[in-house]
Amino acid sequence: MEQPVRQYDRSEAAPQAGSALARTLVIDLEGALLRSELLMEALFSSPGRMLARFGAGGRPGMAALTEILARAEIDYAHLPYDGEVLNRALAARARGERIFLLAERFAGHAAGVAAHLGFDGVIAPADLAAGANLPFDRASIERIGERSRSRVSFKIWAKALRVYQYAKNTLVFVPALTAHQMNFATLGSALLAFLAFSACASGAYLMNDLLDLAADRQHPTKRHRPLAAGELPISSALAAIPALWAFAVAASLCISTAFLGVLAVYLATTIAYSLVLKRKMLVDVVTLAGLYSLRIGAGAVAAGVMLSEWLMIFSLFVFTSLALIKRFSELGMREGAGLSDPSNRDYRITDLHIIAAMAAASAMNAVTVFALYLSSSAVTPLYSRPWLLWLLAPLLLYWFGRALMIAHRREMPDDPIIYAFRDGASRTTVAAMICIMLAAI
């Protein structure tokens, strides 16, 4: 059973009369200093380890879970502290004031936070109210109590749900477009598929961010994500995940049960990726490429069109290259920042050269497959001027080469697909490709 919070004072001796009159700053740990909840922080400090301990404990129930969470290994150095409160504490310390945290639960974690920040100790709310067992004069305290938190803005929710990543889900429109099935019914089904994949992916992103809290907070850019920065409460994210997945299921059922099955495979693979696969060297790359290709397959199911094997093979090589470029960019960023090898990925910074070579090889294979497709009989029924499609080959070579060069220069901070939507040259290249395809029809 968790022990009630007791006072922790760095000095063994009782305070002298002179020091008792000195000003003392008392800060509420939860609600003021910490932009999160200790219980949630303990739970997601290492979710797998917490569940393993709970399963092996032999004493199910809240008491056993609370005891396990009290022993969780929390990284106090990277918790989302309130900057304004910390500044006030530093100013108080500069004036020679003593600083204590006020905490009602998780005594050990509260003491760990106090020790990390250089505070003088921890007191319980009951002791402060009663005025008993206090290492300072109650009349001398200044308290920073629970601060009112503004409601989470739409901008923060959009960032947490990765709305900008919805660009990837436009892949569900590709089968209908390449099959030239541009009628209201197919486009309507593709739109529902887009919404279902977007909601499903957002729930998966939230789950992934919860599982990666500790690693994200040590990352130079991912530490600014809403959950890692404490801008979005963990409890809110936990409530949003099932709501998003329920919407995805409802939208899928409006299409077909077959599409729901494809979406279920996507979600199961995404969860496996978040829990295990992303920590396996190259398995993560193949899984990401498969998830991208699965969107195209789902688009074919939603639109009710035949899925071209040429399209799937081409897509697999394209997305393998893009996944490798993404890993290259992440490792290159760490190398440039002087950071060590990533702790949550099975890659080393010394792998950069081989990853770059594999990315280039996959890109060239994609162009080769495209050239073989243009040489096949599958093109003639779909295009009246198929020879125009050969103009796409040099554009593909240009775009892949540019992406590799930009990544090598450490100028690609985003996912390559998102980068393509933001990069002017990439947008121009894509627009030229669309014009060529329309002219070839």
Protein backbone atom coordinates (compact mmCIF):
# COMPACT_ATOMS: atom_id res chain seq x y z
CA MET A 1 0.00 0.00 0.00
CA GLU A 2 1.33 3.45 -0.84
CA GLN A 3 2.59 5.31 2.19
CA PRO A 4 1.22 8.82 2.85
CA VAL A 5 3.51 11.67 1.96
CA ARG A 6 5.81 12.64 4.79
CA GLN A 7 8.05 15.67 5.05
CA TYR A 8 11.53 15.43 3.58
CA ASP A 9 14.00 17.99 4.83
CA ARG A 10 17.61 18.11 3.76
CA SER A 11 18.80 19.29 7.16
CA GLU A 12 18.86 16.85 10.04
CA ALA A 13 18.73 19.52 12.69
CA ALA A 14 15.59 21.39 13.68
CA PRO A 15 15.34 24.84 12.18
CA GLN A 16 16.67 27.66 14.31
CA ALA A 17 14.54 30.57 15.36
CA GLY A 18 16.20 32.90 12.86
CA SER A 19 15.65 30.57 9.92
CA ALA A 20 12.04 29.91 10.94
CA LEU A 21 11.28 33.58 10.23
CA ALA A 22 12.80 33.39 6.76
CA ARG A 23 10.42 33.32 3.82
CA THR A 24 9.51 29.87 2.52
CA LEU A 25 8.03 29.05 -0.88
CA VAL A 26 5.58 26.13 -1.00
CA ILE A 27 4.66 24.82 -4.46
CA ASP A 28 1.91 22.37 -5.32
CA LEU A 29 3.58 19.56 -7.24
CA GLU A 30 0.52 18.51 -9.22
CA GLY A 31 -1.51 21.36 -10.62
CA ALA A 32 1.24 23.97 -10.37
CA LEU A 33 4.82 22.78 -10.94
CA LEU A 34 4.03 19.69 -13.00
CA ARG A 35 2.05 20.06 -16.20
CA SER A 36 0.96 16.46 -15.93
CA GLU A 37 -0.22 13.85 -13.43
CA LEU A 38 2.22 11.75 -11.44
CA LEU A 39 0.01 8.68 -11.68
CA MET A 40 -0.01 8.87 -15.48
CA GLU A 41 3.68 9.68 -15.61
CA ALA A 42 4.43 6.61 -13.51
CA LEU A 43 2.17 4.44 -15.65
CA PHE A 44 3.72 5.50 -18.95
CA SER A 45 7.31 5.77 -17.77
CA SER A 46 7.69 2.17 -18.93
CA PRO A 47 4.25 0.69 -19.77
CA GLY A 48 5.54 -2.75 -20.69
CA ARG A 49 7.50 -3.08 -17.48
CA MET A 50 4.54 -1.84 -15.44
CA LEU A 51 2.21 -4.43 -16.95
CA ALA A 52 4.79 -7.17 -16.45
CA ARG A 53 5.19 -6.26 -12.79
CA PHE A 54 1.42 -6.10 -12.32
CA GLY A 55 0.95 -9.52 -13.93
CA ALA A 56 3.76 -11.10 -11.91
CA GLY A 57 2.76 -9.52 -8.63
CA GLY A 58 0.09 -12.08 -7.84
CA ARG A 59 -2.00 -9.44 -6.03
CA PRO A 60 -4.42 -7.88 -8.56
CA GLY A 61 -6.24 -4.73 -7.59
CA MET A 62 -5.74 -1.01 -7.23
CA ALA A 63 -3.60 -1.36 -4.11
CA ALA A 64 -1.09 -3.56 -5.94
CA LEU A 65 -1.12 -1.27 -8.98
CA THR A 66 -0.55 1.80 -6.80
CA GLU A 67 2.38 0.11 -5.09
CA ILE A 68 3.91 -0.78 -8.46
CA LEU A 69 3.46 2.76 -9.78
CA ALA A 70 5.08 4.14 -6.64
CA ARG A 71 8.21 2.16 -7.56
CA ALA A 72 8.19 3.21 -11.23
CA GLU A 73 11.39 4.67 -12.66
CA ILE A 74 10.46 8.18 -13.73
CA ASP A 75 12.95 10.44 -15.49
CA TYR A 76 12.56 13.53 -13.28
CA ALA A 77 14.94 15.54 -15.44
CA HIS A 78 12.60 15.51 -18.44
CA LEU A 79 9.17 15.88 -16.85
CA PRO A 80 6.98 18.69 -18.29
CA TYR A 81 7.49 21.38 -15.66
CA ASP A 82 5.72 24.74 -15.80
CA GLY A 83 8.32 27.28 -16.92
CA GLU A 84 6.75 30.22 -15.08
CA VAL A 85 6.60 28.32 -11.79
CA LEU A 86 10.20 27.19 -12.18
CA ASN A 87 11.31 30.77 -12.79
CA ARG A 88 9.54 31.92 -9.63
CA ALA A 89 11.27 29.13 -7.71
CA LEU A 90 14.68 30.16 -9.07
CA ALA A 91 13.99 33.77 -8.09
CA ALA A 92 13.01 32.64 -4.58
CA ARG A 93 16.16 30.57 -4.30
CA ALA A 94 18.24 33.60 -5.35
CA ARG A 95 16.63 35.56 -2.49
CA GLY A 96 17.70 32.85 -0.06
CA GLU A 97 14.23 31.40 0.48
CA ARG A 98 13.62 27.77 1.22
CA ILE A 99 11.46 25.81 -1.23
CA PHE A 100 9.18 22.87 -0.48
CA LEU A 101 6.88 20.82 -2.65
CA LEU A 102 3.33 20.06 -1.56
CA ALA A 103 2.31 16.53 -2.58
CA GLU A 104 -0.55 14.31 -1.48
CA ARG A 105 0.55 11.03 -3.08
CA PHE A 106 3.60 9.19 -4.39
CA ALA A 107 5.99 10.36 -1.71
CA GLY A 108 9.02 8.77 -3.35
CA HIS A 109 8.41 10.44 -6.71
CA ALA A 110 7.73 13.81 -5.06
CA ALA A 111 11.01 13.51 -3.16
CA GLY A 112 12.78 12.59 -6.39
CA VAL A 113 11.46 15.73 -8.11
CA ALA A 114 12.48 17.88 -5.15
CA ALA A 115 15.99 16.39 -5.10
CA HIS A 116 16.41 16.88 -8.85
CA LEU A 117 15.34 20.53 -8.73
CA GLY A 118 17.37 21.27 -5.61
CA PHE A 119 14.37 22.01 -3.40
CA ASP A 120 14.50 21.56 0.36
CA GLY A 121 11.90 18.82 0.73
CA VAL A 122 8.29 17.68 0.52
CA ILE A 123 5.37 18.22 2.85
CA ALA A 124 1.87 16.78 2.92
CA PRO A 125 -1.29 18.93 2.57
CA ALA A 126 -2.63 17.56 5.86
CA ASP A 127 0.51 18.68 7.72
CA LEU A 128 0.34 22.13 6.13
CA ALA A 129 -3.32 22.51 7.09
CA ALA A 130 -2.73 21.38 10.66
CA GLY A 131 0.47 23.34 11.03
CA ALA A 132 2.15 20.28 12.55
CA ASN A 133 5.54 18.78 11.79
CA LEU A 134 6.52 21.72 9.60
CA PRO A 135 10.19 22.69 9.20
CA PHE A 136 9.20 26.36 8.87
CA ASP A 137 6.88 28.95 10.37
CA ARG A 138 3.46 28.84 8.70
CA ALA A 139 3.27 32.61 8.84
CA SER A 140 6.37 32.90 6.65
CA ILE A 141 5.20 30.92 3.65
CA GLU A 142 4.31 31.99 0.15
CA ARG A 143 2.34 29.35 -1.69
CA ILE A 144 1.97 28.65 -5.40
CA GLY A 145 -1.24 26.66 -5.48
CA GLU A 146 -3.08 24.87 -8.24
CA ARG A 147 -3.07 26.95 -11.38
CA SER A 148 -6.04 27.16 -13.69
CA ARG A 149 -5.21 25.46 -16.95
CA SER A 150 -6.80 26.75 -20.11
CA ARG A 151 -8.73 24.30 -22.25
CA VAL A 152 -6.68 22.45 -24.80
CA SER A 153 -6.88 24.48 -28.00
CA PHE A 154 -7.83 23.13 -31.40
CA LYS A 155 -4.29 23.85 -32.57
CA ILE A 156 -2.81 21.58 -29.87
CA TRP A 157 -5.31 18.83 -30.64
CA ALA A 158 -4.53 19.12 -34.36
CA LYS A 159 -0.84 18.81 -33.57
CA ALA A 160 -1.38 15.81 -31.29
CA LEU A 161 -3.63 14.06 -33.80
CA ARG A 162 -1.04 14.78 -36.53
CA VAL A 163 -3.64 16.24 -38.88
CA TYR A 164 -0.81 17.19 -41.25
CA GLN A 165 -0.10 13.46 -41.61
CA TYR A 166 -3.50 12.97 -43.21
CA ALA A 167 -1.78 13.76 -46.50
CA LYS A 168 -0.54 10.14 -46.45
CA ASN A 169 -4.11 8.88 -46.41
CA THR A 170 -4.81 10.43 -49.81
CA LEU A 171 -3.22 7.20 -51.08
CA VAL A 172 -6.69 5.61 -50.79
CA PHE A 173 -7.70 7.69 -53.84
CA VAL A 174 -4.88 6.28 -56.00
CA PRO A 175 -6.61 3.03 -57.16
CA ALA A 176 -9.73 4.89 -58.36
CA LEU A 177 -7.59 7.49 -60.14
CA THR A 178 -5.24 5.02 -61.84
CA ALA A 179 -8.20 2.83 -62.87
CA HIS A 180 -9.92 5.96 -64.28
CA GLN A 181 -13.01 5.31 -62.15
CA MET A 182 -13.79 8.94 -61.39
CA ASN A 183 -17.52 8.71 -60.64
CA PHE A 184 -19.45 9.98 -57.63
CA ALA A 185 -19.86 6.55 -55.99
CA THR A 186 -16.18 5.57 -56.06
CA LEU A 187 -14.97 9.00 -54.97
CA GLY A 188 -17.54 9.03 -52.14
CA SER A 189 -16.35 5.65 -50.92
CA ALA A 190 -12.74 6.78 -51.20
CA LEU A 191 -13.56 9.87 -49.13
CA LEU A 192 -15.11 7.71 -46.40
CA ALA A 193 -12.00 5.51 -46.53
CA PHE A 194 -9.84 8.62 -46.15
CA LEU A 195 -11.79 9.69 -43.04
CA ALA A 196 -11.65 6.19 -41.55
CA PHE A 197 -7.89 5.89 -42.05
CA SER A 198 -7.32 9.42 -40.69
CA ALA A 199 -9.26 8.72 -37.47
CA CYS A 200 -7.63 5.31 -37.07
CA ALA A 201 -4.16 6.78 -37.64
CA SER A 202 -4.74 9.64 -35.18
CA GLY A 203 -5.67 7.16 -32.45
CA ALA A 204 -2.54 5.17 -33.26
CA TYR A 205 -0.40 8.33 -33.16
CA LEU A 206 -1.73 9.18 -29.68
CA MET A 207 -1.05 5.64 -28.48
CA ASN A 208 2.45 5.73 -29.96
CA ASP A 209 3.20 9.07 -28.27
CA LEU A 210 2.02 7.69 -24.92
CA LEU A 211 4.27 4.66 -25.25
CA ASP A 212 7.21 6.84 -26.35
CA LEU A 213 6.86 9.60 -23.74
CA ALA A 214 10.24 9.02 -22.10
CA ALA A 215 12.13 8.75 -25.42
CA ASP A 216 10.33 11.72 -27.00
CA ARG A 217 11.26 14.01 -24.10
CA GLN A 218 14.93 13.36 -24.74
CA HIS A 219 14.57 13.99 -28.48
CA PRO A 220 15.51 17.49 -29.74
CA THR A 221 12.29 17.94 -31.76
CA LYS A 222 9.83 15.31 -30.52
CA ARG A 223 9.97 16.79 -27.03
CA HIS A 224 7.74 19.57 -28.36
CA ARG A 225 4.89 17.15 -29.10
CA PRO A 226 1.77 18.02 -27.03
CA LEU A 227 1.89 14.93 -24.81
CA ALA A 228 5.64 15.10 -24.22
CA ALA A 229 5.46 18.84 -23.47
CA GLY A 230 2.48 18.48 -21.13
CA GLU A 231 0.23 20.62 -23.35
CA LEU A 232 -2.25 17.77 -23.71
CA PRO A 233 -3.22 15.80 -20.58
CA ILE A 234 -2.49 12.10 -20.76
CA SER A 235 -6.01 11.35 -19.53
CA SER A 236 -7.49 13.32 -22.45
CA ALA A 237 -5.42 11.33 -24.92
CA LEU A 238 -6.55 8.07 -23.31
CA ALA A 239 -10.18 9.12 -23.75
CA ALA A 240 -9.68 10.26 -27.36
CA ILE A 241 -8.12 7.00 -28.60
CA PRO A 242 -11.23 4.75 -28.32
CA ALA A 243 -13.44 7.58 -29.61
CA LEU A 244 -11.33 7.95 -32.75
CA TRP A 245 -11.26 4.20 -33.37
CA ALA A 246 -15.03 3.96 -32.88
CA PHE A 247 -15.51 6.63 -35.55
CA ALA A 248 -13.16 4.74 -37.88
CA VAL A 249 -15.20 1.55 -37.42
CA ALA A 250 -18.47 3.40 -38.08
CA ALA A 251 -17.09 5.00 -41.27
CA SER A 252 -15.73 1.62 -42.41
CA LEU A 253 -19.09 -0.10 -41.96
CA CYS A 254 -20.62 2.52 -44.26
CA ILE A 255 -18.28 1.20 -46.98
CA SER A 256 -18.15 -2.58 -46.53
CA THR A 257 -17.16 -5.27 -44.07
CA ALA A 258 -14.24 -6.12 -46.37
CA PHE A 259 -12.88 -2.60 -45.97
CA LEU A 260 -13.33 -2.89 -42.18
CA GLY A 261 -11.21 -6.04 -42.33
CA VAL A 262 -8.44 -4.20 -44.17
CA LEU A 263 -8.61 -1.35 -41.65
CA ALA A 264 -8.41 -3.88 -38.80
CA VAL A 265 -5.24 -5.32 -40.35
CA TYR A 266 -3.83 -1.79 -40.62
CA LEU A 267 -4.63 -1.02 -36.97
CA ALA A 268 -3.25 -4.34 -35.70
CA THR A 269 -0.04 -3.81 -37.68
CA THR A 270 0.22 -0.23 -36.42
CA ILE A 271 -0.15 -1.35 -32.80
CA ALA A 272 2.44 -4.09 -33.33
CA TYR A 273 4.71 -1.49 -34.88
CA SER A 274 4.33 0.84 -31.89
CA LEU A 275 4.90 -1.91 -29.34
CA VAL A 276 7.58 -4.09 -30.94
CA LEU A 277 8.32 -3.79 -34.64
CA LYS A 278 9.69 -0.25 -34.69
CA ARG A 279 12.51 -1.38 -32.41
CA LYS A 280 13.62 -4.07 -34.89
CA MET A 281 16.27 -3.13 -37.43
CA LEU A 282 14.84 -2.96 -40.99
CA VAL A 283 11.65 -4.69 -39.83
CA ASP A 284 10.35 -1.22 -39.05
CA VAL A 285 11.17 -0.04 -42.59
CA VAL A 286 9.42 -2.99 -44.24
CA THR A 287 6.42 -2.51 -41.92
CA LEU A 288 6.13 1.19 -42.78
CA ALA A 289 6.31 0.41 -46.49
CA GLY A 290 3.64 -2.23 -46.00
CA LEU A 291 1.37 0.20 -44.13
CA TYR A 292 1.63 2.73 -46.96
CA SER A 293 0.88 0.05 -49.55
CA LEU A 294 -2.02 -1.19 -47.41
CA ARG A 295 -3.65 2.23 -47.79
CA ILE A 296 -3.61 1.73 -51.56
CA GLY A 297 -5.08 -1.75 -51.16
CA ALA A 298 -7.79 -0.35 -48.90
CA GLY A 299 -8.57 2.32 -51.50
CA ALA A 300 -9.10 -0.41 -54.11
CA VAL A 301 -11.46 -2.29 -51.78
CA ALA A 302 -13.38 0.89 -50.98
CA ALA A 303 -13.70 1.95 -54.62
CA GLY A 304 -14.48 -1.58 -55.81
CA VAL A 305 -11.76 -1.57 -58.48
CA MET A 306 -9.22 -4.22 -59.41
CA LEU A 307 -5.88 -3.70 -57.70
CA SER A 308 -3.01 -3.60 -60.17
CA GLU A 309 -0.01 -5.76 -59.26
CA TRP A 310 2.18 -3.21 -61.06
CA LEU A 311 0.90 -0.48 -58.76
CA MET A 312 1.52 -2.54 -55.62
CA ILE A 313 5.09 -3.53 -56.61
CA PHE A 314 5.90 0.06 -57.58
CA SER A 315 4.41 1.33 -54.30
CA LEU A 316 6.36 -1.15 -52.21
CA PHE A 317 9.70 0.04 -53.63
CA VAL A 318 8.69 3.72 -53.40
CA PHE A 319 7.63 3.53 -49.78
CA THR A 320 10.61 1.39 -48.77
CA SER A 321 12.85 4.12 -50.15
CA LEU A 322 10.90 6.82 -48.32
CA ALA A 323 10.99 4.90 -45.03
CA LEU A 324 14.76 4.50 -45.36
CA ILE A 325 15.13 8.21 -46.14
CA LYS A 326 13.14 8.96 -42.99
CA ARG A 327 15.49 6.82 -40.88
CA PHE A 328 18.47 8.44 -42.57
CA SER A 329 17.15 11.92 -41.72
CA GLU A 330 16.55 10.98 -38.08
CA LEU A 331 20.02 9.50 -37.64
CA GLY A 332 21.61 12.41 -39.52
CA MET A 333 19.89 14.86 -37.22
CA ARG A 334 21.24 13.02 -34.18
CA GLU A 335 24.73 13.02 -35.66
CA GLY A 336 24.54 16.74 -36.37
CA ALA A 337 23.35 17.46 -32.83
CA GLY A 338 26.11 15.33 -31.30
CA LEU A 339 23.61 12.89 -29.77
CA SER A 340 24.16 9.21 -29.11
CA ASP A 341 22.47 6.32 -30.93
CA PRO A 342 18.67 6.31 -30.48
CA SER A 343 17.52 4.24 -27.51
CA ASN A 344 14.16 3.24 -29.00
CA ARG A 345 15.46 2.21 -32.44
CA ASP A 346 17.79 -0.61 -33.41
CA TYR A 347 20.02 1.66 -35.49
CA ARG A 348 23.38 3.28 -35.00
CA ILE A 349 24.64 6.55 -36.39
CA THR A 350 27.36 4.57 -38.14
CA ASP A 351 24.61 2.91 -40.22
CA LEU A 352 23.99 6.13 -42.16
CA HIS A 353 25.92 5.11 -45.28
CA ILE A 354 24.28 1.72 -45.72
CA ILE A 355 20.82 3.19 -45.11
CA ALA A 356 21.45 5.83 -47.77
CA ALA A 357 22.61 3.16 -50.23
CA MET A 358 19.51 1.03 -49.59
CA ALA A 359 17.25 4.06 -50.00
CA ALA A 360 18.82 4.92 -53.35
CA ALA A 361 18.60 1.29 -54.52
CA SER A 362 14.90 1.06 -53.61
CA ALA A 363 14.20 4.33 -55.44
CA MET A 364 15.94 3.12 -58.60
CA ASN A 365 14.06 -0.18 -58.40
CA ALA A 366 10.81 1.77 -58.28
CA VAL A 367 11.72 3.63 -61.47
CA THR A 368 12.72 0.34 -63.11
CA VAL A 369 9.37 -1.24 -62.23
CA PHE A 370 7.61 1.82 -63.64
CA ALA A 371 9.56 1.51 -66.91
CA LEU A 372 8.65 -2.19 -67.13
CA TYR A 373 5.00 -1.28 -66.60
CA LEU A 374 5.14 1.22 -69.47
CA SER A 375 6.60 -1.53 -71.67
CA SER A 376 3.80 -3.96 -70.79
CA SER A 377 0.42 -4.50 -72.41
CA ALA A 378 -1.36 -3.27 -69.26
CA VAL A 379 -0.94 0.37 -70.31
CA THR A 380 -2.75 0.29 -73.68
CA PRO A 381 -6.34 -0.17 -72.40
CA LEU A 382 -6.02 2.78 -70.02
CA TYR A 383 -4.19 5.40 -72.07
CA SER A 384 -4.65 6.62 -75.64
CA ARG A 385 -1.18 8.18 -75.70
CA PRO A 386 0.90 5.90 -73.45
CA TRP A 387 4.17 7.15 -74.93
CA LEU A 388 3.68 10.40 -72.98
CA LEU A 389 4.02 8.45 -69.74
CA TRP A 390 7.72 7.94 -70.46
CA LEU A 391 8.16 11.59 -69.49
CA LEU A 392 7.34 10.56 -65.92
CA ALA A 393 10.53 8.48 -65.60
CA PRO A 394 12.99 11.43 -65.58
CA LEU A 395 10.69 13.30 -63.19
CA LEU A 396 10.73 10.33 -60.81
CA LEU A 397 14.51 10.12 -61.04
CA TYR A 398 14.74 13.84 -60.31
CA TRP A 399 12.43 13.73 -57.29
CA PHE A 400 14.06 10.70 -55.66
CA GLY A 401 17.52 12.11 -56.30
CA ARG A 402 16.50 15.46 -54.83
CA ALA A 403 14.99 13.81 -51.74
CA LEU A 404 18.19 11.84 -51.15
CA MET A 405 20.35 14.94 -51.58
CA ILE A 406 18.20 17.05 -49.25
CA ALA A 407 18.29 14.31 -46.62
CA HIS A 408 22.08 14.01 -47.01
CA ARG A 409 22.37 17.76 -46.43
CA ARG A 410 20.33 17.38 -43.20
CA GLU A 411 17.64 19.68 -44.62
CA MET A 412 14.69 17.28 -44.38
CA PRO A 413 13.29 17.57 -40.84
CA ASP A 414 9.93 16.03 -41.74
CA ASP A 415 8.65 12.74 -43.02
CA PRO A 416 9.57 12.60 -46.76
CA ILE A 417 5.91 12.43 -47.82
CA ILE A 418 5.04 15.47 -45.70
CA TYR A 419 8.17 17.18 -47.01
CA ALA A 420 6.93 16.59 -50.57
CA PHE A 421 3.73 18.51 -49.78
CA ARG A 422 5.69 21.43 -48.31
CA ASP A 423 8.61 21.60 -50.76
CA GLY A 424 8.03 23.90 -53.73
CA ALA A 425 10.12 21.87 -56.18
CA SER A 426 8.33 18.68 -55.14
CA ARG A 427 4.91 20.25 -55.61
CA THR A 428 5.93 21.45 -59.07
CA THR A 429 7.18 17.97 -59.97
CA VAL A 430 3.95 16.33 -58.80
CA ALA A 431 1.86 18.88 -60.71
CA ALA A 432 3.87 18.16 -63.88
CA MET A 433 3.31 14.41 -63.39
CA ILE A 434 -0.45 14.91 -63.04
CA CYS A 435 -0.56 17.03 -66.20
CA ILE A 436 1.37 14.37 -68.14
CA MET A 437 -0.97 11.60 -66.95
CA LEU A 438 -4.05 13.63 -67.90
CA ALA A 439 -2.58 14.35 -71.33
CA ALA A 440 -1.86 10.64 -71.83
CA ILE A 441 -5.46 9.54 -71.18
